[in-house]
């Protein structure tokens, strides 16, 4: 059986114009490896939105990273003052990874 290791996954839904800022904050917290995914549509407090609706909806991105708990905590500390202002949606969960030294 292959060994697995518990790490953290952090997902951050962010307006596309702020995505690079989230990447910079993650790097400053020691999270250098990540993925940024396009998000096509959703339903939030303000109602439904689509990336291509023609009504000036702001495109969204999903920042996804696997790392350890200390780096997640460091990132949250960096983001905390701006979570509400930037409308960030953040989810953190425990995950099992193979090659734990990479995360």
PDB file of N, CA and C in Angstrom:
ATOM      1  N   UNK A   1       0.851  -1.194   0.000  1.00  0.00           N
ATOM      2  CA  UNK A   1       0.000   0.000   0.000  1.00  0.00           C
ATOM      3  C   UNK A   1       0.888   1.246   0.000  1.00  0.00           C
ATOM      4  N   UNK A   2       0.489   2.209  -0.776  1.00  0.00           N
ATOM      5  CA  UNK A   2       1.260   3.451  -0.888  1.00  0.00           C
ATOM      6  C   UNK A   2       0.953   4.358   0.306  1.00  0.00           C
ATOM      7  N   UNK A   3       1.978   5.037   0.797  1.00  0.00           N
ATOM      8  CA  UNK A   3       1.814   5.923   1.948  1.00  0.00           C
ATOM      9  C   UNK A   3       1.135   7.224   1.525  1.00  0.00           C
ATOM     10  N   UNK A   4       0.274   7.719   2.387  1.00  0.00           N
ATOM     11  CA  UNK A   4      -0.354   9.026   2.171  1.00  0.00           C
ATOM     12  C   UNK A   4      -0.085   9.906   3.382  1.00  0.00           C
ATOM     13  N   UNK A   5      -0.227  11.199   3.169  1.00  0.00           N
ATOM     14  CA  UNK A   5       0.076  12.185   4.198  1.00  0.00           C
ATOM     15  C   UNK A   5      -1.046  13.208   4.240  1.00  0.00           C
ATOM     16  N   UNK A   6      -1.385  13.654   5.429  1.00  0.00           N
ATOM     17  CA  UNK A   6      -2.437  14.658   5.577  1.00  0.00           C
ATOM     18  C   UNK A   6      -1.847  16.048   5.354  1.00  0.00           C
ATOM     19  N   UNK A   7      -2.474  16.773   4.472  1.00  0.00           N
ATOM     20  CA  UNK A   7      -2.105  18.162   4.192  1.00  0.00           C
ATOM     21  C   UNK A   7      -3.399  18.973   4.127  1.00  0.00           C
ATOM     22  N   UNK A   8      -3.278  20.245   3.873  1.00  0.00           N
ATOM     23  CA  UNK A   8      -4.425  21.142   3.745  1.00  0.00           C
ATOM     24  C   UNK A   8      -4.612  21.533   2.281  1.00  0.00           C
ATOM     25  N   UNK A   9      -5.868  21.624   1.896  1.00  0.00           N
ATOM     26  CA  UNK A   9      -6.228  22.203   0.595  1.00  0.00           C
ATOM     27  C   UNK A   9      -6.939  23.502   0.898  1.00  0.00           C
ATOM     28  N   UNK A  10      -6.535  24.553   0.234  1.00  0.00           N
ATOM     29  CA  UNK A  10      -7.205  25.844   0.379  1.00  0.00           C
ATOM     30  C   UNK A  10      -7.727  26.260  -0.988  1.00  0.00           C
ATOM     31  N   UNK A  11      -9.006  26.590  -1.032  1.00  0.00           N
ATOM     32  CA  UNK A  11      -9.675  27.080  -2.236  1.00  0.00           C
ATOM     33  C   UNK A  11     -10.128  28.508  -1.938  1.00  0.00           C
ATOM     34  N   UNK A  12      -9.807  29.417  -2.838  1.00  0.00           N
ATOM     35  CA  UNK A  12     -10.207  30.818  -2.662  1.00  0.00           C
ATOM     36  C   UNK A  12     -10.905  31.281  -3.937  1.00  0.00           C
ATOM     37  N   UNK A  13     -12.188  31.591  -3.823  1.00  0.00           N
ATOM     38  CA  UNK A  13     -12.934  32.188  -4.931  1.00  0.00           C
ATOM     39  C   UNK A  13     -12.669  33.683  -4.880  1.00  0.00           C
ATOM     40  N   UNK A  14     -12.174  34.215  -5.991  1.00  0.00           N
ATOM     41  CA  UNK A  14     -11.729  35.612  -6.014  1.00  0.00           C
ATOM     42  C   UNK A  14     -12.118  36.243  -7.345  1.00  0.00           C
ATOM     43  N   UNK A  15     -12.428  37.531  -7.320  1.00  0.00           N
ATOM     44  CA  UNK A  15     -12.654  38.266  -8.566  1.00  0.00           C
ATOM     45  C   UNK A  15     -11.365  38.230  -9.385  1.00  0.00           C
ATOM     46  N   UNK A  16     -11.482  38.005 -10.671  1.00  0.00           N
ATOM     47  CA  UNK A  16     -10.317  37.856 -11.540  1.00  0.00           C
ATOM     48  C   UNK A  16      -9.293  38.989 -11.401  1.00  0.00           C
ATOM     49  N   UNK A  17      -9.722  40.246 -11.291  1.00  0.00           N
ATOM     50  CA  UNK A  17      -8.720  41.311 -11.168  1.00  0.00           C
ATOM     51  C   UNK A  17      -7.876  41.219  -9.893  1.00  0.00           C
ATOM     52  N   UNK A  18      -8.369  40.504  -8.884  1.00  0.00           N
ATOM     53  CA  UNK A  18      -7.638  40.370  -7.618  1.00  0.00           C
ATOM     54  C   UNK A  18      -6.842  39.075  -7.540  1.00  0.00           C
ATOM     55  N   UNK A  19      -6.918  38.259  -8.550  1.00  0.00           N
ATOM     56  CA  UNK A  19      -6.299  36.935  -8.503  1.00  0.00           C
ATOM     57  C   UNK A  19      -4.786  37.015  -8.324  1.00  0.00           C
ATOM     58  N   UNK A  20      -4.139  37.894  -9.049  1.00  0.00           N
ATOM     59  CA  UNK A  20      -2.678  38.002  -8.925  1.00  0.00           C
ATOM     60  C   UNK A  20      -2.291  38.434  -7.513  1.00  0.00           C
ATOM     61  N   UNK A  21      -3.085  39.281  -6.890  1.00  0.00           N
ATOM     62  CA  UNK A  21      -2.832  39.690  -5.505  1.00  0.00           C
ATOM     63  C   UNK A  21      -2.895  38.480  -4.571  1.00  0.00           C
ATOM     64  N   UNK A  22      -3.886  37.594  -4.757  1.00  0.00           N
ATOM     65  CA  UNK A  22      -3.982  36.379  -3.935  1.00  0.00           C
ATOM     66  C   UNK A  22      -2.743  35.510  -4.155  1.00  0.00           C
ATOM     67  N   UNK A  23      -2.315  35.365  -5.393  1.00  0.00           N
ATOM     68  CA  UNK A  23      -1.113  34.581  -5.697  1.00  0.00           C
ATOM     69  C   UNK A  23       0.103  35.185  -4.982  1.00  0.00           C
ATOM     70  N   UNK A  24       0.218  36.491  -4.993  1.00  0.00           N
ATOM     71  CA  UNK A  24       1.335  37.164  -4.309  1.00  0.00           C
ATOM     72  C   UNK A  24       1.279  36.944  -2.800  1.00  0.00           C
ATOM     73  N   UNK A  25       0.078  37.020  -2.230  1.00  0.00           N
ATOM     74  CA  UNK A  25      -0.068  36.785  -0.793  1.00  0.00           C
ATOM     75  C   UNK A  25       0.287  35.347  -0.437  1.00  0.00           C
ATOM     76  N   UNK A  26      -0.113  34.406  -1.289  1.00  0.00           N
ATOM     77  CA  UNK A  26       0.213  32.999  -1.061  1.00  0.00           C
ATOM     78  C   UNK A  26       1.727  32.791  -1.108  1.00  0.00           C
ATOM     79  N   UNK A  27       2.379  33.382  -2.088  1.00  0.00           N
ATOM     80  CA  UNK A  27       3.832  33.246  -2.203  1.00  0.00           C
ATOM     81  C   UNK A  27       4.525  33.816  -0.965  1.00  0.00           C
ATOM     82  N   UNK A  28       4.033  34.949  -0.478  1.00  0.00           N
ATOM     83  CA  UNK A  28       4.615  35.555   0.720  1.00  0.00           C
ATOM     84  C   UNK A  28       4.414  34.674   1.950  1.00  0.00           C
ATOM     85  N   UNK A  29       3.378  33.837   1.920  1.00  0.00           N
ATOM     86  CA  UNK A  29       3.105  32.904   3.019  1.00  0.00           C
ATOM     87  C   UNK A  29       3.829  31.571   2.832  1.00  0.00           C
ATOM     88  N   UNK A  30       4.602  31.453   1.750  1.00  0.00           N
ATOM     89  CA  UNK A  30       5.347  30.230   1.507  1.00  0.00           C
ATOM     90  C   UNK A  30       4.647  29.221   0.619  1.00  0.00           C
ATOM     91  N   UNK A  31       3.507  29.594   0.055  1.00  0.00           N
ATOM     92  CA  UNK A  31       2.767  28.707  -0.851  1.00  0.00           C
ATOM     93  C   UNK A  31       3.144  29.097  -2.275  1.00  0.00           C
ATOM     94  N   UNK A  32       4.085  28.352  -2.846  1.00  0.00           N
ATOM     95  CA  UNK A  32       4.616  28.706  -4.157  1.00  0.00           C
ATOM     96  C   UNK A  32       3.937  27.950  -5.288  1.00  0.00           C
ATOM     97  N   UNK A  33       3.329  26.812  -4.983  1.00  0.00           N
ATOM     98  CA  UNK A  33       2.703  25.980  -6.006  1.00  0.00           C
ATOM     99  C   UNK A  33       1.192  26.042  -5.848  1.00  0.00           C
ATOM    100  N   UNK A  34       0.504  26.283  -6.939  1.00  0.00           N
ATOM    101  CA  UNK A  34      -0.945  26.462  -6.901  1.00  0.00           C
ATOM    102  C   UNK A  34      -1.505  26.280  -8.304  1.00  0.00           C
ATOM    103  N   UNK A  35      -2.805  26.284  -8.392  1.00  0.00           N
ATOM    104  CA  UNK A  35      -3.509  26.331  -9.674  1.00  0.00           C
ATOM    105  C   UNK A  35      -4.539  27.444  -9.594  1.00  0.00           C
ATOM    106  N   UNK A  36      -4.785  28.077 -10.727  1.00  0.00           N
ATOM    107  CA  UNK A  36      -5.839  29.081 -10.838  1.00  0.00           C
ATOM    108  C   UNK A  36      -6.779  28.597 -11.936  1.00  0.00           C
ATOM    109  N   UNK A  37      -8.036  28.432 -11.572  1.00  0.00           N
ATOM    110  CA  UNK A  37      -9.028  27.884 -12.485  1.00  0.00           C
ATOM    111  C   UNK A  37     -10.081  28.938 -12.820  1.00  0.00           C
ATOM    112  N   UNK A  38     -10.554  28.978 -14.060  1.00  0.00           N
ATOM    113  CA  UNK A  38     -11.656  29.891 -14.392  1.00  0.00           C
ATOM    114  C   UNK A  38     -12.958  29.359 -13.799  1.00  0.00           C
ATOM    115  N   UNK A  39     -13.819  30.255 -13.405  1.00  0.00           N
ATOM    116  CA  UNK A  39     -15.140  29.898 -12.894  1.00  0.00           C
ATOM    117  C   UNK A  39     -16.152  30.548 -13.822  1.00  0.00           C
ATOM    118  N   UNK A  40     -17.021  29.756 -14.424  1.00  0.00           N
ATOM    119  CA  UNK A  40     -17.912  30.271 -15.460  1.00  0.00           C
ATOM    120  C   UNK A  40     -19.175  30.924 -14.939  1.00  0.00           C
ATOM    121  N   UNK A  41     -19.715  30.409 -13.841  1.00  0.00           N
ATOM    122  CA  UNK A  41     -20.956  30.985 -13.328  1.00  0.00           C
ATOM    123  C   UNK A  41     -21.144  30.560 -11.888  1.00  0.00           C
ATOM    124  N   UNK A  42     -22.126  31.192 -11.238  1.00  0.00           N
ATOM    125  CA  UNK A  42     -22.409  30.846  -9.854  1.00  0.00           C
ATOM    126  C   UNK A  42     -23.652  31.556  -9.357  1.00  0.00           C
ATOM    127  N   UNK A  43     -23.953  31.298  -8.116  1.00  0.00           N
ATOM    128  CA  UNK A  43     -25.084  31.933  -7.442  1.00  0.00           C
ATOM    129  C   UNK A  43     -24.597  32.379  -6.077  1.00  0.00           C
ATOM    130  N   UNK A  44     -24.631  33.659  -5.838  1.00  0.00           N
ATOM    131  CA  UNK A  44     -24.156  34.206  -4.572  1.00  0.00           C
ATOM    132  C   UNK A  44     -25.224  35.073  -3.928  1.00  0.00           C
ATOM    133  N   UNK A  45     -24.815  35.829  -2.925  1.00  0.00           N
ATOM    134  CA  UNK A  45     -25.748  36.714  -2.220  1.00  0.00           C
ATOM    135  C   UNK A  45     -26.413  37.706  -3.158  1.00  0.00           C
ATOM    136  N   UNK A  46     -25.658  38.133  -4.163  1.00  0.00           N
ATOM    137  CA  UNK A  46     -26.196  39.103  -5.118  1.00  0.00           C
ATOM    138  C   UNK A  46     -26.991  38.467  -6.234  1.00  0.00           C
ATOM    139  N   UNK A  47     -27.182  37.154  -6.157  1.00  0.00           N
ATOM    140  CA  UNK A  47     -27.931  36.462  -7.192  1.00  0.00           C
ATOM    141  C   UNK A  47     -27.014  35.718  -8.143  1.00  0.00           C
ATOM    142  N   UNK A  48     -27.583  35.217  -9.221  1.00  0.00           N
ATOM    143  CA  UNK A  48     -26.772  34.458 -10.179  1.00  0.00           C
ATOM    144  C   UNK A  48     -25.864  35.383 -10.984  1.00  0.00           C
ATOM    145  N   UNK A  49     -24.753  34.846 -11.416  1.00  0.00           N
ATOM    146  CA  UNK A  49     -23.846  35.597 -12.273  1.00  0.00           C
ATOM    147  C   UNK A  49     -23.209  34.639 -13.270  1.00  0.00           C
ATOM    148  N   UNK A  50     -22.777  35.196 -14.373  1.00  0.00           N
ATOM    149  CA  UNK A  50     -22.054  34.436 -15.407  1.00  0.00           C
ATOM    150  C   UNK A  50     -20.874  35.276 -15.855  1.00  0.00           C
ATOM    151  N   UNK A  51     -19.810  34.607 -16.155  1.00  0.00           N
ATOM    152  CA  UNK A  51     -18.598  35.267 -16.623  1.00  0.00           C
ATOM    153  C   UNK A  51     -18.855  36.041 -17.920  1.00  0.00           C
ATOM    154  N   UNK A  52     -19.785  35.588 -18.725  1.00  0.00           N
ATOM    155  CA  UNK A  52     -20.023  36.167 -20.047  1.00  0.00           C
ATOM    156  C   UNK A  52     -21.433  36.730 -20.198  1.00  0.00           C
ATOM    157  N   UNK A  53     -21.996  37.282 -19.134  1.00  0.00           N
ATOM    158  CA  UNK A  53     -23.402  37.680 -19.198  1.00  0.00           C
ATOM    159  C   UNK A  53     -23.653  39.014 -19.894  1.00  0.00           C
ATOM    160  N   UNK A  54     -22.598  39.778 -20.193  1.00  0.00           N
ATOM    161  CA  UNK A  54     -22.780  41.044 -20.890  1.00  0.00           C
ATOM    162  C   UNK A  54     -23.261  42.180 -20.007  1.00  0.00           C
ATOM    163  N   UNK A  55     -23.377  41.951 -18.695  1.00  0.00           N
ATOM    164  CA  UNK A  55     -23.850  42.979 -17.766  1.00  0.00           C
ATOM    165  C   UNK A  55     -22.757  43.428 -16.815  1.00  0.00           C
ATOM    166  N   UNK A  56     -21.516  43.345 -17.259  1.00  0.00           N
ATOM    167  CA  UNK A  56     -20.365  43.808 -16.481  1.00  0.00           C
ATOM    168  C   UNK A  56     -20.158  43.006 -15.200  1.00  0.00           C
ATOM    169  N   UNK A  57     -20.601  41.763 -15.180  1.00  0.00           N
ATOM    170  CA  UNK A  57     -20.271  40.902 -14.049  1.00  0.00           C
ATOM    171  C   UNK A  57     -18.762  40.718 -14.029  1.00  0.00           C
ATOM    172  N   UNK A  58     -18.215  40.657 -12.844  1.00  0.00           N
ATOM    173  CA  UNK A  58     -16.777  40.472 -12.714  1.00  0.00           C
ATOM    174  C   UNK A  58     -16.471  38.983 -12.818  1.00  0.00           C
ATOM    175  N   UNK A  59     -15.575  38.630 -13.705  1.00  0.00           N
ATOM    176  CA  UNK A  59     -15.162  37.235 -13.844  1.00  0.00           C
ATOM    177  C   UNK A  59     -14.541  36.757 -12.541  1.00  0.00           C
ATOM    178  N   UNK A  60     -14.694  35.488 -12.261  1.00  0.00           N
ATOM    179  CA  UNK A  60     -14.172  34.890 -11.032  1.00  0.00           C
ATOM    180  C   UNK A  60     -13.096  33.864 -11.373  1.00  0.00           C
ATOM    181  N   UNK A  61     -12.232  33.642 -10.416  1.00  0.00           N
ATOM    182  CA  UNK A  61     -11.216  32.608 -10.511  1.00  0.00           C
ATOM    183  C   UNK A  61     -11.211  31.815  -9.204  1.00  0.00           C
ATOM    184  N   UNK A  62     -10.751  30.568  -9.279  1.00  0.00           N
ATOM    185  CA  UNK A  62     -10.592  29.746  -8.087  1.00  0.00           C
ATOM    186  C   UNK A  62      -9.105  29.463  -7.925  1.00  0.00           C
ATOM    187  N   UNK A  63      -8.539  29.950  -6.841  1.00  0.00           N
ATOM    188  CA  UNK A  63      -7.158  29.663  -6.464  1.00  0.00           C
ATOM    189  C   UNK A  63      -7.194  28.382  -5.650  1.00  0.00           C
ATOM    190  N   UNK A  64      -6.378  27.397  -6.020  1.00  0.00           N
ATOM    191  CA  UNK A  64      -6.350  26.102  -5.336  1.00  0.00           C
ATOM    192  C   UNK A  64      -4.904  25.760  -5.011  1.00  0.00           C
ATOM    193  N   UNK A  65      -4.648  25.384  -3.758  1.00  0.00           N
ATOM    194  CA  UNK A  65      -3.291  24.982  -3.367  1.00  0.00           C
ATOM    195  C   UNK A  65      -3.360  23.876  -2.320  1.00  0.00           C
ATOM    196  N   UNK A  66      -2.374  23.015  -2.351  1.00  0.00           N
ATOM    197  CA  UNK A  66      -2.161  21.999  -1.330  1.00  0.00           C
ATOM    198  C   UNK A  66      -0.891  22.370  -0.585  1.00  0.00           C
ATOM    199  N   UNK A  67      -0.956  22.379   0.742  1.00  0.00           N
ATOM    200  CA  UNK A  67       0.191  22.799   1.537  1.00  0.00           C
ATOM    201  C   UNK A  67       0.030  22.290   2.956  1.00  0.00           C
ATOM    202  N   UNK A  68       0.853  22.774   3.854  1.00  0.00           N
ATOM    203  CA  UNK A  68       0.724  22.366   5.254  1.00  0.00           C
ATOM    204  C   UNK A  68      -0.069  23.409   6.048  1.00  0.00           C
ATOM    205  N   UNK A  69      -0.440  23.034   7.254  1.00  0.00           N
ATOM    206  CA  UNK A  69      -1.298  23.893   8.081  1.00  0.00           C
ATOM    207  C   UNK A  69      -0.643  25.231   8.407  1.00  0.00           C
ATOM    208  N   UNK A  70       0.674  25.224   8.647  1.00  0.00           N
ATOM    209  CA  UNK A  70       1.353  26.476   8.996  1.00  0.00           C
ATOM    210  C   UNK A  70       1.268  27.497   7.865  1.00  0.00           C
ATOM    211  N   UNK A  71       1.419  27.039   6.638  1.00  0.00           N
ATOM    212  CA  UNK A  71       1.350  27.965   5.502  1.00  0.00           C
ATOM    213  C   UNK A  71      -0.073  28.454   5.263  1.00  0.00           C
ATOM    214  N   UNK A  72      -1.046  27.590   5.477  1.00  0.00           N
ATOM    215  CA  UNK A  72      -2.444  28.037   5.371  1.00  0.00           C
ATOM    216  C   UNK A  72      -2.717  29.117   6.409  1.00  0.00           C
ATOM    217  N   UNK A  73      -2.270  28.880   7.633  1.00  0.00           N
ATOM    218  CA  UNK A  73      -2.471  29.889   8.687  1.00  0.00           C
ATOM    219  C   UNK A  73      -1.792  31.207   8.322  1.00  0.00           C
ATOM    220  N   UNK A  74      -0.578  31.123   7.769  1.00  0.00           N
ATOM    221  CA  UNK A  74       0.141  32.340   7.371  1.00  0.00           C
ATOM    222  C   UNK A  74      -0.618  33.078   6.269  1.00  0.00           C
ATOM    223  N   UNK A  75      -1.173  32.346   5.319  1.00  0.00           N
ATOM    224  CA  UNK A  75      -1.946  32.985   4.249  1.00  0.00           C
ATOM    225  C   UNK A  75      -3.206  33.626   4.815  1.00  0.00           C
ATOM    226  N   UNK A  76      -3.903  32.933   5.677  1.00  0.00           N
ATOM    227  CA  UNK A  76      -5.112  33.509   6.271  1.00  0.00           C
ATOM    228  C   UNK A  76      -4.805  34.786   7.043  1.00  0.00           C
ATOM    229  N   UNK A  77      -3.677  34.807   7.763  1.00  0.00           N
ATOM    230  CA  UNK A  77      -3.271  36.028   8.474  1.00  0.00           C
ATOM    231  C   UNK A  77      -3.059  37.180   7.504  1.00  0.00           C
ATOM    232  N   UNK A  78      -2.475  36.892   6.361  1.00  0.00           N
ATOM    233  CA  UNK A  78      -2.220  37.935   5.360  1.00  0.00           C
ATOM    234  C   UNK A  78      -3.530  38.422   4.719  1.00  0.00           C
ATOM    235  N   UNK A  79      -4.476  37.509   4.500  1.00  0.00           N
ATOM    236  CA  UNK A  79      -5.730  37.864   3.831  1.00  0.00           C
ATOM    237  C   UNK A  79      -6.772  38.468   4.768  1.00  0.00           C
ATOM    238  N   UNK A  80      -6.679  38.157   6.056  1.00  0.00           N
ATOM    239  CA  UNK A  80      -7.731  38.511   7.021  1.00  0.00           C
ATOM    240  C   UNK A  80      -8.217  39.954   6.927  1.00  0.00           C
ATOM    241  N   UNK A  81      -7.338  40.952   6.832  1.00  0.00           N
ATOM    242  CA  UNK A  81      -7.839  42.330   6.794  1.00  0.00           C
ATOM    243  C   UNK A  81      -8.682  42.651   5.556  1.00  0.00           C
ATOM    244  N   UNK A  82      -8.580  41.825   4.512  1.00  0.00           N
ATOM    245  CA  UNK A  82      -9.222  42.157   3.240  1.00  0.00           C
ATOM    246  C   UNK A  82     -10.298  41.162   2.799  1.00  0.00           C
ATOM    247  N   UNK A  83     -10.591  40.162   3.609  1.00  0.00           N
ATOM    248  CA  UNK A  83     -11.543  39.120   3.195  1.00  0.00           C
ATOM    249  C   UNK A  83     -12.904  39.716   2.835  1.00  0.00           C
ATOM    250  N   UNK A  84     -13.458  40.528   3.708  1.00  0.00           N
ATOM    251  CA  UNK A  84     -14.782  41.124   3.452  1.00  0.00           C
ATOM    252  C   UNK A  84     -14.733  42.126   2.309  1.00  0.00           C
ATOM    253  N   UNK A  85     -13.752  43.022   2.341  1.00  0.00           N
ATOM    254  CA  UNK A  85     -13.640  44.073   1.324  1.00  0.00           C
ATOM    255  C   UNK A  85     -13.491  43.485  -0.072  1.00  0.00           C
ATOM    256  N   UNK A  86     -12.747  42.395  -0.180  1.00  0.00           N
ATOM    257  CA  UNK A  86     -12.502  41.777  -1.484  1.00  0.00           C
ATOM    258  C   UNK A  86     -13.524  40.702  -1.836  1.00  0.00           C
ATOM    259  N   UNK A  87     -14.431  40.388  -0.910  1.00  0.00           N
ATOM    260  CA  UNK A  87     -15.467  39.396  -1.178  1.00  0.00           C
ATOM    261  C   UNK A  87     -14.914  37.994  -1.394  1.00  0.00           C
ATOM    262  N   UNK A  88     -13.826  37.664  -0.697  1.00  0.00           N
ATOM    263  CA  UNK A  88     -13.224  36.343  -0.857  1.00  0.00           C
ATOM    264  C   UNK A  88     -14.090  35.265  -0.227  1.00  0.00           C
ATOM    265  N   UNK A  89     -14.182  34.137  -0.883  1.00  0.00           N
ATOM    266  CA  UNK A  89     -14.821  32.944  -0.322  1.00  0.00           C
ATOM    267  C   UNK A  89     -13.704  31.928  -0.168  1.00  0.00           C
ATOM    268  N   UNK A  90     -13.464  31.491   1.070  1.00  0.00           N
ATOM    269  CA  UNK A  90     -12.325  30.625   1.366  1.00  0.00           C
ATOM    270  C   UNK A  90     -12.818  29.327   1.994  1.00  0.00           C
ATOM    271  N   UNK A  91     -12.329  28.215   1.468  1.00  0.00           N
ATOM    272  CA  UNK A  91     -12.635  26.896   2.029  1.00  0.00           C
ATOM    273  C   UNK A  91     -11.317  26.169   2.279  1.00  0.00           C
ATOM    274  N   UNK A  92     -11.234  25.525   3.421  1.00  0.00           N
ATOM    275  CA  UNK A  92     -10.029  24.776   3.792  1.00  0.00           C
ATOM    276  C   UNK A  92     -10.466  23.389   4.224  1.00  0.00           C
ATOM    277  N   UNK A  93      -9.744  22.402   3.754  1.00  0.00           N
ATOM    278  CA  UNK A  93     -10.088  21.026   4.134  1.00  0.00           C
ATOM    279  C   UNK A  93      -8.831  20.184   4.244  1.00  0.00           C
ATOM    280  N   UNK A  94      -8.918  19.135   5.059  1.00  0.00           N
ATOM    281  CA  UNK A  94      -7.848  18.149   5.133  1.00  0.00           C
ATOM    282  C   UNK A  94      -7.947  17.233   3.931  1.00  0.00           C
ATOM    283  N   UNK A  95      -6.799  16.931   3.347  1.00  0.00           N
ATOM    284  CA  UNK A  95      -6.736  16.009   2.212  1.00  0.00           C
ATOM    285  C   UNK A  95      -5.583  15.040   2.429  1.00  0.00           C
ATOM    286  N   UNK A  96      -5.653  13.908   1.766  1.00  0.00           N
ATOM    287  CA  UNK A  96      -4.572  12.932   1.777  1.00  0.00           C
ATOM    288  C   UNK A  96      -3.803  13.074   0.464  1.00  0.00           C
ATOM    289  N   UNK A  97      -2.482  13.172   0.562  1.00  0.00           N
ATOM    290  CA  UNK A  97      -1.658  13.301  -0.632  1.00  0.00           C
ATOM    291  C   UNK A  97      -0.599  12.200  -0.655  1.00  0.00           C
ATOM    292  N   UNK A  98      -0.157  11.882  -1.838  1.00  0.00           N
ATOM    293  CA  UNK A  98       0.989  11.019  -2.034  1.00  0.00           C
ATOM    294  C   UNK A  98       2.188  11.957  -2.253  1.00  0.00           C
ATOM    295  N   UNK A  99       3.359  11.575  -1.872  1.00  0.00           N
ATOM    296  CA  UNK A  99       4.558  12.416  -1.971  1.00  0.00           C
ATOM    297  C   UNK A  99       4.400  13.648  -1.072  1.00  0.00           C
ATOM    298  N   UNK A 100       4.162  13.398   0.188  1.00  0.00           N
ATOM    299  CA  UNK A 100       3.915  14.463   1.154  1.00  0.00           C
ATOM    300  C   UNK A 100       5.000  15.500   1.246  1.00  0.00           C
ATOM    301  N   UNK A 101       6.255  15.169   0.913  1.00  0.00           N
ATOM    302  CA  UNK A 101       7.340  16.132   0.993  1.00  0.00           C
ATOM    303  C   UNK A 101       7.163  17.285   0.012  1.00  0.00           C
ATOM    304  N   UNK A 102       6.336  17.098  -0.989  1.00  0.00           N
ATOM    305  CA  UNK A 102       6.089  18.166  -1.970  1.00  0.00           C
ATOM    306  C   UNK A 102       5.137  19.227  -1.449  1.00  0.00           C
ATOM    307  N   UNK A 103       4.428  18.914  -0.385  1.00  0.00           N
ATOM    308  CA  UNK A 103       3.415  19.841   0.125  1.00  0.00           C
ATOM    309  C   UNK A 103       3.705  20.223   1.561  1.00  0.00           C
TER     310      UNK A 103
END
